[in-house]
Amino acid sequence: MKPGKILLFGVVGLFVYSLIAKAQAGKKLNVMFRTLRILKPSGLNLPTIQAIFSLQNPSSQQIILKSIVGDLYLNGKHLSNVSDFKQITIPANNEIDLPINIKIGLFDVLSNIKNLINNKKKFAVSFEGNVNAENIVIPIKQTISV
């Protein structure tokens, strides 16, 4: 066999191995919906609400998160759509927090604040959506108490 063909097979083999390793790492990504955070408003603006996600990479390969998309529900009632399409690199054997700003209509904000004040109870906040990591779509359905 000619040296050029051996080199070509070696390069193709490394490329295929790299793709398989990335795909396996993407499948190991652990995504957790942690909490909602309310940031203080500036001026006459409404407060900004953030959904905080924790991304854990237990593999020995870095993972590139391409997107996270889904819906938030407050006590089973649709609150808002959540999306982030910035590529984020999660280092190998590491965890990062991902805050995503949420846009909620004025009526929904006032209604939910009124309920919080009147009930003084915790709310069930659910996230239902998907994460795209290394071109692998991972479904997420998690509920937290706020």
N, C-alpha and C. Protein backbone atom coordinates (compact mmCIF):
# COMPACT_ATOMS: atom_id res chain seq x y z
N MET A 1 0.85 -1.17 0.00
CA MET A 1 0.00 0.00 0.00
C MET A 1 0.90 1.24 0.00
N LYS A 2 0.50 2.24 -0.75
CA LYS A 2 1.28 3.45 -0.87
C LYS A 2 1.17 4.31 0.40
N PRO A 3 2.24 5.02 0.75
CA PRO A 3 2.23 5.87 1.95
C PRO A 3 1.11 6.92 1.93
N GLY A 4 0.76 7.44 0.76
CA GLY A 4 -0.31 8.45 0.66
C GLY A 4 -1.66 7.88 1.08
N LYS A 5 -1.93 6.62 0.68
CA LYS A 5 -3.19 5.99 1.05
C LYS A 5 -3.24 5.68 2.54
N ILE A 6 -2.11 5.26 3.08
CA ILE A 6 -2.05 4.98 4.52
C ILE A 6 -2.32 6.25 5.31
N LEU A 7 -1.73 7.36 4.88
CA LEU A 7 -1.94 8.64 5.55
C LEU A 7 -3.41 9.06 5.44
N LEU A 8 -4.01 8.89 4.26
CA LEU A 8 -5.41 9.24 4.05
C LEU A 8 -6.31 8.41 4.97
N PHE A 9 -6.07 7.09 5.04
CA PHE A 9 -6.88 6.24 5.92
C PHE A 9 -6.70 6.64 7.39
N GLY A 10 -5.50 7.02 7.75
CA GLY A 10 -5.24 7.46 9.13
C GLY A 10 -6.00 8.73 9.47
N VAL A 11 -6.00 9.70 8.55
CA VAL A 11 -6.71 10.97 8.78
C VAL A 11 -8.22 10.72 8.86
N VAL A 12 -8.74 9.92 7.95
CA VAL A 12 -10.18 9.61 7.97
C VAL A 12 -10.54 8.87 9.27
N GLY A 13 -9.70 7.94 9.68
CA GLY A 13 -9.94 7.20 10.92
C GLY A 13 -9.97 8.12 12.13
N LEU A 14 -9.03 9.06 12.22
CA LEU A 14 -9.01 10.03 13.32
C LEU A 14 -10.25 10.91 13.31
N PHE A 15 -10.67 11.32 12.11
CA PHE A 15 -11.86 12.16 11.98
C PHE A 15 -13.10 11.41 12.47
N VAL A 16 -13.26 10.17 12.05
CA VAL A 16 -14.41 9.36 12.47
C VAL A 16 -14.38 9.14 13.98
N TYR A 17 -13.22 8.83 14.52
CA TYR A 17 -13.08 8.64 15.97
C TYR A 17 -13.47 9.91 16.72
N SER A 18 -13.03 11.07 16.21
CA SER A 18 -13.35 12.34 16.85
C SER A 18 -14.86 12.59 16.87
N LEU A 19 -15.53 12.29 15.75
CA LEU A 19 -16.99 12.47 15.68
C LEU A 19 -17.70 11.56 16.67
N ILE A 20 -17.26 10.32 16.76
CA ILE A 20 -17.89 9.37 17.69
C ILE A 20 -17.67 9.81 19.13
N ALA A 21 -16.47 10.26 19.46
CA ALA A 21 -16.17 10.71 20.82
C ALA A 21 -17.00 11.93 21.18
N LYS A 22 -17.17 12.89 20.26
CA LYS A 22 -17.99 14.07 20.51
C LYS A 22 -19.45 13.68 20.73
N ALA A 23 -19.95 12.76 19.91
CA ALA A 23 -21.34 12.33 20.05
C ALA A 23 -21.56 11.65 21.40
N GLN A 24 -20.63 10.81 21.82
CA GLN A 24 -20.75 10.15 23.12
C GLN A 24 -20.71 11.17 24.26
N ALA A 25 -19.85 12.17 24.14
CA ALA A 25 -19.76 13.21 25.17
C ALA A 25 -21.06 14.00 25.23
N GLY A 26 -21.63 14.35 24.07
CA GLY A 26 -22.89 15.08 24.03
C GLY A 26 -24.03 14.35 24.71
N LYS A 27 -24.04 13.01 24.60
CA LYS A 27 -25.09 12.21 25.25
C LYS A 27 -24.96 12.21 26.77
N LYS A 28 -23.77 12.49 27.28
CA LYS A 28 -23.53 12.46 28.73
C LYS A 28 -23.85 13.78 29.42
N LEU A 29 -24.12 14.83 28.63
CA LEU A 29 -24.40 16.14 29.21
C LEU A 29 -25.61 16.06 30.14
N ASN A 30 -25.47 16.62 31.33
CA ASN A 30 -26.56 16.65 32.31
C ASN A 30 -27.03 18.10 32.44
N VAL A 31 -28.30 18.35 32.15
CA VAL A 31 -28.86 19.70 32.21
C VAL A 31 -29.90 19.73 33.32
N MET A 32 -29.74 20.70 34.23
CA MET A 32 -30.68 20.83 35.35
C MET A 32 -31.25 22.24 35.39
N PHE A 33 -32.56 22.33 35.47
CA PHE A 33 -33.23 23.62 35.67
C PHE A 33 -33.15 23.90 37.17
N ARG A 34 -32.38 24.91 37.55
CA ARG A 34 -32.09 25.18 38.97
C ARG A 34 -33.11 26.09 39.66
N THR A 35 -33.34 27.29 39.07
CA THR A 35 -34.19 28.26 39.77
C THR A 35 -34.56 29.39 38.84
N LEU A 36 -35.44 30.25 39.33
CA LEU A 36 -35.75 31.52 38.69
C LEU A 36 -35.16 32.61 39.56
N ARG A 37 -34.61 33.63 38.94
CA ARG A 37 -34.02 34.75 39.66
C ARG A 37 -34.66 36.03 39.13
N ILE A 38 -35.01 36.93 40.04
CA ILE A 38 -35.56 38.23 39.65
C ILE A 38 -34.48 39.28 39.89
N LEU A 39 -34.10 39.98 38.82
CA LEU A 39 -33.10 41.03 38.90
C LEU A 39 -33.79 42.38 39.10
N LYS A 40 -33.17 43.25 39.87
CA LYS A 40 -33.76 44.55 40.15
C LYS A 40 -33.91 45.35 38.86
N PRO A 41 -35.05 46.05 38.74
CA PRO A 41 -35.25 46.87 37.54
C PRO A 41 -34.43 48.15 37.60
N SER A 42 -34.18 48.70 36.44
CA SER A 42 -33.52 50.00 36.38
C SER A 42 -34.52 50.99 35.80
N GLY A 43 -34.71 52.09 36.49
CA GLY A 43 -35.65 53.11 36.03
C GLY A 43 -37.07 52.61 36.06
N LEU A 44 -37.80 52.82 34.97
CA LEU A 44 -39.21 52.42 34.88
C LEU A 44 -39.40 51.04 34.25
N ASN A 45 -38.31 50.34 34.00
CA ASN A 45 -38.39 49.02 33.39
C ASN A 45 -38.94 47.99 34.37
N LEU A 46 -39.53 46.94 33.82
CA LEU A 46 -39.96 45.81 34.65
C LEU A 46 -38.74 45.03 35.09
N PRO A 47 -38.85 44.32 36.20
CA PRO A 47 -37.72 43.48 36.60
C PRO A 47 -37.43 42.41 35.55
N THR A 48 -36.18 42.05 35.42
CA THR A 48 -35.79 40.98 34.50
C THR A 48 -35.85 39.66 35.26
N ILE A 49 -36.46 38.67 34.64
CA ILE A 49 -36.53 37.34 35.24
C ILE A 49 -35.59 36.44 34.47
N GLN A 50 -34.79 35.68 35.22
CA GLN A 50 -33.84 34.75 34.59
C GLN A 50 -34.16 33.32 35.01
N ALA A 51 -34.08 32.42 34.07
CA ALA A 51 -34.10 30.99 34.35
C ALA A 51 -32.63 30.56 34.42
N ILE A 52 -32.27 29.88 35.51
CA ILE A 52 -30.88 29.45 35.69
C ILE A 52 -30.80 27.95 35.46
N PHE A 53 -29.94 27.56 34.54
CA PHE A 53 -29.70 26.15 34.24
C PHE A 53 -28.27 25.79 34.63
N SER A 54 -28.08 24.59 35.10
CA SER A 54 -26.75 24.07 35.42
C SER A 54 -26.42 23.03 34.35
N LEU A 55 -25.26 23.16 33.74
CA LEU A 55 -24.83 22.23 32.69
C LEU A 55 -23.61 21.47 33.19
N GLN A 56 -23.73 20.17 33.32
CA GLN A 56 -22.64 19.34 33.84
C GLN A 56 -22.11 18.44 32.73
N ASN A 57 -20.80 18.49 32.55
CA ASN A 57 -20.13 17.66 31.56
C ASN A 57 -19.23 16.66 32.28
N PRO A 58 -19.68 15.42 32.44
CA PRO A 58 -18.87 14.42 33.14
C PRO A 58 -17.87 13.70 32.23
N SER A 59 -17.81 14.07 30.96
CA SER A 59 -16.94 13.35 30.03
C SER A 59 -15.55 13.99 29.98
N SER A 60 -14.65 13.30 29.30
CA SER A 60 -13.28 13.82 29.16
C SER A 60 -13.13 14.66 27.89
N GLN A 61 -14.23 14.95 27.21
CA GLN A 61 -14.23 15.79 26.01
C GLN A 61 -15.00 17.07 26.31
N GLN A 62 -14.57 18.19 25.77
CA GLN A 62 -15.38 19.40 25.90
C GLN A 62 -16.64 19.21 25.06
N ILE A 63 -17.73 19.87 25.47
CA ILE A 63 -19.00 19.78 24.76
C ILE A 63 -19.41 21.18 24.34
N ILE A 64 -19.91 21.30 23.11
CA ILE A 64 -20.41 22.59 22.64
C ILE A 64 -21.93 22.53 22.66
N LEU A 65 -22.51 23.38 23.50
CA LEU A 65 -23.96 23.52 23.58
C LEU A 65 -24.36 24.51 22.50
N LYS A 66 -25.26 24.10 21.62
CA LYS A 66 -25.65 24.97 20.51
C LYS A 66 -26.92 25.74 20.80
N SER A 67 -27.83 25.14 21.57
CA SER A 67 -29.08 25.85 21.88
C SER A 67 -29.81 25.17 23.02
N ILE A 68 -30.67 25.97 23.65
CA ILE A 68 -31.62 25.46 24.63
C ILE A 68 -32.93 26.19 24.35
N VAL A 69 -34.00 25.43 24.18
CA VAL A 69 -35.29 25.99 23.80
C VAL A 69 -36.39 25.24 24.55
N GLY A 70 -37.37 25.98 25.04
CA GLY A 70 -38.49 25.32 25.70
C GLY A 70 -39.49 26.31 26.24
N ASP A 71 -40.37 25.81 27.09
CA ASP A 71 -41.42 26.63 27.69
C ASP A 71 -41.38 26.50 29.20
N LEU A 72 -41.69 27.61 29.87
CA LEU A 72 -41.82 27.63 31.33
C LEU A 72 -43.29 27.65 31.69
N TYR A 73 -43.63 26.88 32.72
CA TYR A 73 -45.00 26.82 33.23
C TYR A 73 -44.98 27.14 34.71
N LEU A 74 -45.92 27.94 35.14
CA LEU A 74 -46.07 28.30 36.55
C LEU A 74 -47.36 27.66 37.03
N ASN A 75 -47.24 26.68 37.93
CA ASN A 75 -48.40 25.91 38.41
C ASN A 75 -49.22 25.36 37.25
N GLY A 76 -48.55 24.87 36.22
CA GLY A 76 -49.21 24.26 35.07
C GLY A 76 -49.69 25.24 34.02
N LYS A 77 -49.58 26.55 34.27
CA LYS A 77 -50.04 27.56 33.31
C LYS A 77 -48.83 28.12 32.57
N HIS A 78 -48.94 28.21 31.24
CA HIS A 78 -47.81 28.68 30.43
C HIS A 78 -47.39 30.08 30.86
N LEU A 79 -46.11 30.24 31.14
CA LEU A 79 -45.57 31.52 31.58
C LEU A 79 -44.81 32.21 30.46
N SER A 80 -43.91 31.48 29.79
CA SER A 80 -43.10 32.11 28.76
C SER A 80 -42.33 31.07 27.97
N ASN A 81 -41.90 31.47 26.78
CA ASN A 81 -40.97 30.69 25.99
C ASN A 81 -39.56 31.08 26.43
N VAL A 82 -38.67 30.10 26.46
CA VAL A 82 -37.27 30.33 26.84
C VAL A 82 -36.40 29.83 25.70
N SER A 83 -35.43 30.66 25.29
CA SER A 83 -34.52 30.20 24.24
C SER A 83 -33.19 30.93 24.34
N ASP A 84 -32.15 30.20 24.00
CA ASP A 84 -30.80 30.75 23.93
C ASP A 84 -30.07 29.99 22.83
N PHE A 85 -29.57 30.74 21.85
CA PHE A 85 -28.91 30.13 20.70
C PHE A 85 -27.43 30.47 20.63
N LYS A 86 -26.86 30.96 21.74
CA LYS A 86 -25.41 31.23 21.76
C LYS A 86 -24.68 29.91 21.98
N GLN A 87 -23.62 29.69 21.21
CA GLN A 87 -22.81 28.49 21.42
C GLN A 87 -21.98 28.66 22.69
N ILE A 88 -22.04 27.67 23.55
CA ILE A 88 -21.32 27.70 24.82
C ILE A 88 -20.46 26.45 24.90
N THR A 89 -19.19 26.65 25.22
CA THR A 89 -18.29 25.52 25.38
C THR A 89 -18.26 25.12 26.85
N ILE A 90 -18.55 23.86 27.11
CA ILE A 90 -18.51 23.33 28.48
C ILE A 90 -17.25 22.47 28.57
N PRO A 91 -16.26 22.91 29.35
CA PRO A 91 -15.01 22.15 29.44
C PRO A 91 -15.24 20.73 29.95
N ALA A 92 -14.30 19.86 29.65
CA ALA A 92 -14.36 18.46 30.12
C ALA A 92 -14.39 18.43 31.64
N ASN A 93 -15.17 17.51 32.18
CA ASN A 93 -15.28 17.31 33.63
C ASN A 93 -15.51 18.63 34.37
N ASN A 94 -16.54 19.35 33.93
CA ASN A 94 -16.79 20.67 34.50
C ASN A 94 -18.28 20.95 34.54
N GLU A 95 -18.65 21.99 35.28
CA GLU A 95 -20.05 22.43 35.39
C GLU A 95 -20.09 23.94 35.23
N ILE A 96 -21.08 24.42 34.48
CA ILE A 96 -21.27 25.86 34.36
C ILE A 96 -22.74 26.18 34.58
N ASP A 97 -23.02 27.43 35.00
CA ASP A 97 -24.38 27.91 35.12
C ASP A 97 -24.70 28.74 33.89
N LEU A 98 -25.93 28.59 33.39
CA LEU A 98 -26.38 29.33 32.22
C LEU A 98 -27.63 30.12 32.59
N PRO A 99 -27.50 31.44 32.77
CA PRO A 99 -28.70 32.26 33.02
C PRO A 99 -29.31 32.69 31.68
N ILE A 100 -30.63 32.57 31.57
CA ILE A 100 -31.33 32.98 30.35
C ILE A 100 -32.42 33.97 30.74
N ASN A 101 -32.37 35.17 30.16
CA ASN A 101 -33.40 36.17 30.43
C ASN A 101 -34.72 35.75 29.80
N ILE A 102 -35.80 35.99 30.53
CA ILE A 102 -37.14 35.60 30.10
C ILE A 102 -37.96 36.86 29.87
N LYS A 103 -38.70 36.85 28.79
CA LYS A 103 -39.62 37.96 28.51
C LYS A 103 -41.03 37.51 28.88
N ILE A 104 -41.65 38.27 29.77
CA ILE A 104 -43.02 37.97 30.21
C ILE A 104 -43.84 39.24 30.02
N GLY A 105 -45.07 39.08 29.56
CA GLY A 105 -45.94 40.23 29.36
C GLY A 105 -46.29 40.91 30.68
N LEU A 106 -46.59 42.19 30.61
CA LEU A 106 -46.91 42.98 31.80
C LEU A 106 -48.08 42.39 32.57
N PHE A 107 -49.13 41.97 31.87
CA PHE A 107 -50.30 41.40 32.55
C PHE A 107 -49.90 40.14 33.33
N ASP A 108 -49.08 39.29 32.73
CA ASP A 108 -48.64 38.06 33.41
C ASP A 108 -47.80 38.37 34.64
N VAL A 109 -46.93 39.38 34.54
CA VAL A 109 -46.09 39.76 35.68
C VAL A 109 -46.96 40.23 36.84
N LEU A 110 -47.90 41.15 36.56
CA LEU A 110 -48.77 41.69 37.61
C LEU A 110 -49.63 40.59 38.22
N SER A 111 -50.18 39.73 37.40
CA SER A 111 -51.03 38.64 37.88
C SER A 111 -50.24 37.69 38.79
N ASN A 112 -49.02 37.34 38.39
CA ASN A 112 -48.20 36.41 39.18
C ASN A 112 -47.71 37.06 40.48
N ILE A 113 -47.37 38.35 40.45
CA ILE A 113 -46.95 39.04 41.67
C ILE A 113 -48.12 39.10 42.66
N LYS A 114 -49.33 39.38 42.14
CA LYS A 114 -50.52 39.40 42.99
C LYS A 114 -50.74 38.04 43.66
N ASN A 115 -50.60 36.97 42.89
CA ASN A 115 -50.75 35.62 43.45
C ASN A 115 -49.69 35.33 44.50
N LEU A 116 -48.45 35.74 44.24
CA LEU A 116 -47.38 35.52 45.21
C LEU A 116 -47.67 36.22 46.53
N ILE A 117 -48.15 37.47 46.45
CA ILE A 117 -48.43 38.24 47.65
C ILE A 117 -49.63 37.65 48.40
N ASN A 118 -50.68 37.30 47.69
CA ASN A 118 -51.90 36.79 48.32
C ASN A 118 -51.71 35.40 48.92
N ASN A 119 -51.04 34.53 48.22
CA ASN A 119 -50.95 33.13 48.66
C ASN A 119 -49.78 32.84 49.59
N LYS A 120 -48.69 33.56 49.41
CA LYS A 120 -47.47 33.34 50.20
C LYS A 120 -47.07 31.87 50.21
N LYS A 121 -47.34 31.19 49.10
CA LYS A 121 -46.99 29.78 48.96
C LYS A 121 -45.92 29.64 47.89
N LYS A 122 -45.30 28.49 47.89
CA LYS A 122 -44.33 28.20 46.83
C LYS A 122 -45.09 27.80 45.57
N PHE A 123 -44.44 28.07 44.44
CA PHE A 123 -45.01 27.74 43.14
C PHE A 123 -44.21 26.63 42.50
N ALA A 124 -44.90 25.82 41.71
CA ALA A 124 -44.23 24.81 40.90
C ALA A 124 -43.90 25.44 39.55
N VAL A 125 -42.62 25.51 39.22
CA VAL A 125 -42.18 26.05 37.94
C VAL A 125 -41.59 24.90 37.13
N SER A 126 -42.14 24.69 35.95
CA SER A 126 -41.69 23.59 35.10
C SER A 126 -41.05 24.12 33.84
N PHE A 127 -40.01 23.41 33.40
CA PHE A 127 -39.39 23.68 32.11
C PHE A 127 -39.54 22.44 31.26
N GLU A 128 -40.08 22.62 30.06
CA GLU A 128 -40.20 21.53 29.10
C GLU A 128 -39.58 21.99 27.79
N GLY A 129 -38.53 21.32 27.37
CA GLY A 129 -37.87 21.74 26.15
C GLY A 129 -36.78 20.80 25.72
N ASN A 130 -35.83 21.34 24.95
CA ASN A 130 -34.74 20.54 24.38
C ASN A 130 -33.44 21.32 24.42
N VAL A 131 -32.35 20.57 24.50
CA VAL A 131 -31.01 21.11 24.41
C VAL A 131 -30.33 20.45 23.22
N ASN A 132 -29.61 21.25 22.43
CA ASN A 132 -28.82 20.71 21.34
C ASN A 132 -27.36 20.79 21.74
N ALA A 133 -26.76 19.64 22.00
CA ALA A 133 -25.34 19.56 22.37
C ALA A 133 -24.64 18.64 21.39
N GLU A 134 -23.66 19.18 20.68
CA GLU A 134 -22.92 18.40 19.68
C GLU A 134 -23.87 17.75 18.67
N ASN A 135 -24.90 18.49 18.27
CA ASN A 135 -25.92 18.03 17.31
C ASN A 135 -26.73 16.86 17.82
N ILE A 136 -26.76 16.66 19.10
CA ILE A 136 -27.62 15.65 19.72
C ILE A 136 -28.68 16.40 20.50
N VAL A 137 -29.94 16.16 20.19
CA VAL A 137 -31.05 16.84 20.85
C VAL A 137 -31.46 16.03 22.08
N ILE A 138 -31.39 16.70 23.25
CA ILE A 138 -31.69 16.05 24.51
C ILE A 138 -32.97 16.68 25.07
N PRO A 139 -34.04 15.89 25.27
CA PRO A 139 -35.26 16.45 25.84
C PRO A 139 -35.09 16.68 27.35
N ILE A 140 -35.73 17.75 27.83
CA ILE A 140 -35.68 18.09 29.26
C ILE A 140 -37.10 18.37 29.73
N LYS A 141 -37.47 17.77 30.86
CA LYS A 141 -38.74 18.06 31.49
C LYS A 141 -38.49 18.02 33.00
N GLN A 142 -38.40 19.22 33.60
CA GLN A 142 -38.07 19.30 35.03
C GLN A 142 -38.96 20.32 35.71
N THR A 143 -39.28 20.06 36.99
CA THR A 143 -40.09 20.96 37.79
C THR A 143 -39.35 21.27 39.08
N ILE A 144 -39.37 22.56 39.43
CA ILE A 144 -38.77 23.00 40.69
C ILE A 144 -39.83 23.74 41.50
N SER A 145 -39.56 23.92 42.78
CA SER A 145 -40.45 24.68 43.65
C SER A 145 -39.77 26.00 43.97
N VAL A 146 -40.50 27.12 43.74
CA VAL A 146 -39.93 28.45 43.97
C VAL A 146 -40.77 29.16 45.02
